[in-house]
Amino acid sequence: MALEMKPACERCKAGLAQEGEAYICSFECTFCRNCAIEMRRKCPNCGGGLVARPRRDVPPSAA
């Protein structure tokens, strides 16, 4: 099962680039760095810890 790379922070709705910094819990709730820090890296939905979301390489666009 592939990790869902959500495009926006669930709290502040800031856009999250696929290759950018984001934080997730084990249920894939997704937050930006600032929100994760403000929430003390604890998911408000499940109470689990927030960890850095792994990054995927973005393939170069076909030109």
N, C-alpha and C. Protein backbone atom coordinates (compact mmCIF):
# COMPACT_ATOMS: atom_id res chain seq x y z
N MET A 1 0.85 -1.17 0.00
CA MET A 1 0.00 0.00 0.00
C MET A 1 0.90 1.24 0.00
N ALA A 2 0.65 2.16 -0.90
CA ALA A 2 1.46 3.37 -1.01
C ALA A 2 0.95 4.45 -0.05
N LEU A 3 1.87 5.24 0.42
CA LEU A 3 1.56 6.36 1.29
C LEU A 3 0.86 7.45 0.49
N GLU A 4 -0.26 7.95 0.99
CA GLU A 4 -0.97 9.04 0.31
C GLU A 4 -0.24 10.35 0.60
N MET A 5 0.21 11.02 -0.44
CA MET A 5 0.94 12.29 -0.29
C MET A 5 -0.07 13.42 -0.40
N LYS A 6 -0.66 13.80 0.72
CA LYS A 6 -1.70 14.84 0.72
C LYS A 6 -1.10 16.20 0.37
N PRO A 7 -1.84 17.01 -0.39
CA PRO A 7 -1.29 18.25 -0.91
C PRO A 7 -1.40 19.47 0.01
N ALA A 8 -2.09 19.33 1.17
CA ALA A 8 -2.28 20.49 2.04
C ALA A 8 -2.30 20.07 3.51
N CYS A 9 -1.91 21.00 4.36
CA CYS A 9 -1.95 20.80 5.81
C CYS A 9 -3.40 20.69 6.24
N GLU A 10 -3.71 19.70 7.06
CA GLU A 10 -5.08 19.49 7.53
C GLU A 10 -5.52 20.55 8.53
N ARG A 11 -4.59 21.28 9.10
CA ARG A 11 -4.94 22.27 10.11
C ARG A 11 -5.07 23.68 9.52
N CYS A 12 -4.04 24.15 8.81
CA CYS A 12 -4.04 25.52 8.31
C CYS A 12 -4.31 25.62 6.81
N LYS A 13 -4.38 24.46 6.14
CA LYS A 13 -4.66 24.37 4.70
C LYS A 13 -3.53 24.88 3.81
N ALA A 14 -2.35 25.11 4.39
CA ALA A 14 -1.19 25.52 3.58
C ALA A 14 -0.84 24.41 2.60
N GLY A 15 -0.44 24.80 1.40
CA GLY A 15 -0.04 23.82 0.40
C GLY A 15 1.24 23.12 0.79
N LEU A 16 1.33 21.83 0.48
CA LEU A 16 2.51 21.02 0.78
C LEU A 16 3.02 20.40 -0.52
N ALA A 17 4.21 20.78 -0.91
CA ALA A 17 4.80 20.20 -2.11
C ALA A 17 5.13 18.74 -1.85
N GLN A 18 4.98 17.90 -2.85
CA GLN A 18 5.27 16.47 -2.70
C GLN A 18 6.68 16.25 -2.18
N GLU A 19 7.63 17.04 -2.64
CA GLU A 19 9.02 16.89 -2.19
C GLU A 19 9.34 17.78 -1.00
N GLY A 20 8.34 18.51 -0.49
CA GLY A 20 8.56 19.43 0.62
C GLY A 20 8.43 18.78 1.99
N GLU A 21 8.69 19.57 3.01
CA GLU A 21 8.63 19.09 4.39
C GLU A 21 7.19 19.03 4.87
N ALA A 22 6.82 17.92 5.48
CA ALA A 22 5.50 17.72 6.07
C ALA A 22 5.62 16.66 7.16
N TYR A 23 4.63 16.59 8.02
CA TYR A 23 4.62 15.64 9.13
C TYR A 23 3.34 14.84 9.09
N ILE A 24 3.45 13.52 9.39
CA ILE A 24 2.30 12.62 9.34
C ILE A 24 2.25 11.74 10.59
N CYS A 25 1.04 11.21 10.85
CA CYS A 25 0.88 10.20 11.90
C CYS A 25 0.71 8.85 11.21
N SER A 26 0.49 7.81 11.95
CA SER A 26 0.37 6.47 11.36
C SER A 26 -0.90 6.30 10.53
N PHE A 27 -1.86 7.22 10.67
CA PHE A 27 -3.08 7.18 9.86
C PHE A 27 -2.99 8.13 8.66
N GLU A 28 -1.81 8.69 8.41
CA GLU A 28 -1.52 9.59 7.29
C GLU A 28 -2.18 10.95 7.42
N CYS A 29 -2.58 11.35 8.64
CA CYS A 29 -3.00 12.73 8.86
C CYS A 29 -1.76 13.56 8.56
N THR A 30 -1.91 14.67 7.85
CA THR A 30 -0.77 15.41 7.32
C THR A 30 -0.80 16.86 7.74
N PHE A 31 0.35 17.37 8.22
CA PHE A 31 0.44 18.74 8.71
C PHE A 31 1.74 19.38 8.25
N CYS A 32 1.71 20.71 8.13
CA CYS A 32 2.93 21.45 7.79
C CYS A 32 3.84 21.50 9.02
N ARG A 33 5.06 21.92 8.81
CA ARG A 33 6.05 21.98 9.88
C ARG A 33 5.58 22.88 11.03
N ASN A 34 5.08 24.07 10.69
CA ASN A 34 4.66 25.01 11.73
C ASN A 34 3.54 24.45 12.59
N CYS A 35 2.55 23.86 11.97
CA CYS A 35 1.44 23.28 12.74
C CYS A 35 1.92 22.10 13.58
N ALA A 36 2.78 21.27 13.02
CA ALA A 36 3.31 20.13 13.78
C ALA A 36 4.03 20.61 15.04
N ILE A 37 4.81 21.67 14.91
CA ILE A 37 5.52 22.21 16.06
C ILE A 37 4.54 22.79 17.08
N GLU A 38 3.55 23.57 16.59
CA GLU A 38 2.55 24.16 17.50
C GLU A 38 1.77 23.09 18.24
N MET A 39 1.55 21.93 17.61
CA MET A 39 0.80 20.84 18.24
C MET A 39 1.72 19.89 19.00
N ARG A 40 3.00 20.31 19.13
CA ARG A 40 4.00 19.51 19.85
C ARG A 40 4.13 18.10 19.27
N ARG A 41 4.03 18.04 17.93
CA ARG A 41 4.17 16.80 17.16
C ARG A 41 3.24 15.68 17.64
N LYS A 42 2.01 16.08 18.03
CA LYS A 42 0.99 15.11 18.44
C LYS A 42 -0.24 15.33 17.56
N CYS A 43 -0.70 14.28 16.91
CA CYS A 43 -1.84 14.37 16.00
C CYS A 43 -3.12 14.68 16.80
N PRO A 44 -3.85 15.73 16.40
CA PRO A 44 -5.09 16.06 17.11
C PRO A 44 -6.23 15.09 16.80
N ASN A 45 -6.09 14.32 15.75
CA ASN A 45 -7.14 13.38 15.35
C ASN A 45 -7.07 12.06 16.10
N CYS A 46 -5.86 11.50 16.22
CA CYS A 46 -5.73 10.17 16.84
C CYS A 46 -4.86 10.17 18.10
N GLY A 47 -4.16 11.27 18.35
CA GLY A 47 -3.29 11.34 19.52
C GLY A 47 -1.92 10.74 19.30
N GLY A 48 -1.68 10.21 18.10
CA GLY A 48 -0.38 9.62 17.79
C GLY A 48 0.69 10.66 17.52
N GLY A 49 1.91 10.21 17.45
CA GLY A 49 3.03 11.10 17.18
C GLY A 49 3.12 11.47 15.71
N LEU A 50 3.57 12.70 15.45
CA LEU A 50 3.81 13.15 14.09
C LEU A 50 5.29 13.03 13.78
N VAL A 51 5.60 12.44 12.65
CA VAL A 51 6.98 12.26 12.21
C VAL A 51 7.14 12.85 10.81
N ALA A 52 8.37 13.11 10.43
CA ALA A 52 8.64 13.66 9.11
C ALA A 52 8.12 12.71 8.03
N ARG A 53 7.39 13.27 7.09
CA ARG A 53 6.87 12.48 5.97
C ARG A 53 8.01 12.17 5.01
N PRO A 54 8.14 10.92 4.58
CA PRO A 54 9.20 10.61 3.63
C PRO A 54 8.95 11.35 2.32
N ARG A 55 10.00 11.61 1.60
CA ARG A 55 9.89 12.34 0.34
C ARG A 55 9.99 11.38 -0.82
N ARG A 56 9.33 11.73 -1.89
CA ARG A 56 9.42 10.97 -3.14
C ARG A 56 10.14 11.82 -4.15
N ASP A 57 10.93 11.18 -4.97
CA ASP A 57 11.56 11.90 -6.06
C ASP A 57 10.49 12.30 -7.05
N VAL A 58 10.55 13.53 -7.50
CA VAL A 58 9.61 14.01 -8.50
C VAL A 58 10.27 13.82 -9.86
N PRO A 59 9.66 13.04 -10.75
CA PRO A 59 10.29 12.81 -12.06
C PRO A 59 10.35 14.12 -12.85
N PRO A 60 11.43 14.32 -13.59
CA PRO A 60 11.53 15.53 -14.40
C PRO A 60 10.42 15.54 -15.44
N SER A 61 9.89 16.73 -15.69
CA SER A 61 8.80 16.83 -16.66
C SER A 61 9.33 16.56 -18.06
N ALA A 62 8.51 15.91 -18.83
CA ALA A 62 8.90 15.61 -20.23
C ALA A 62 8.84 16.89 -21.03
N ALA A 63 9.92 17.25 -21.63
CA ALA A 63 9.95 18.51 -22.41
C ALA A 63 10.11 18.23 -23.87
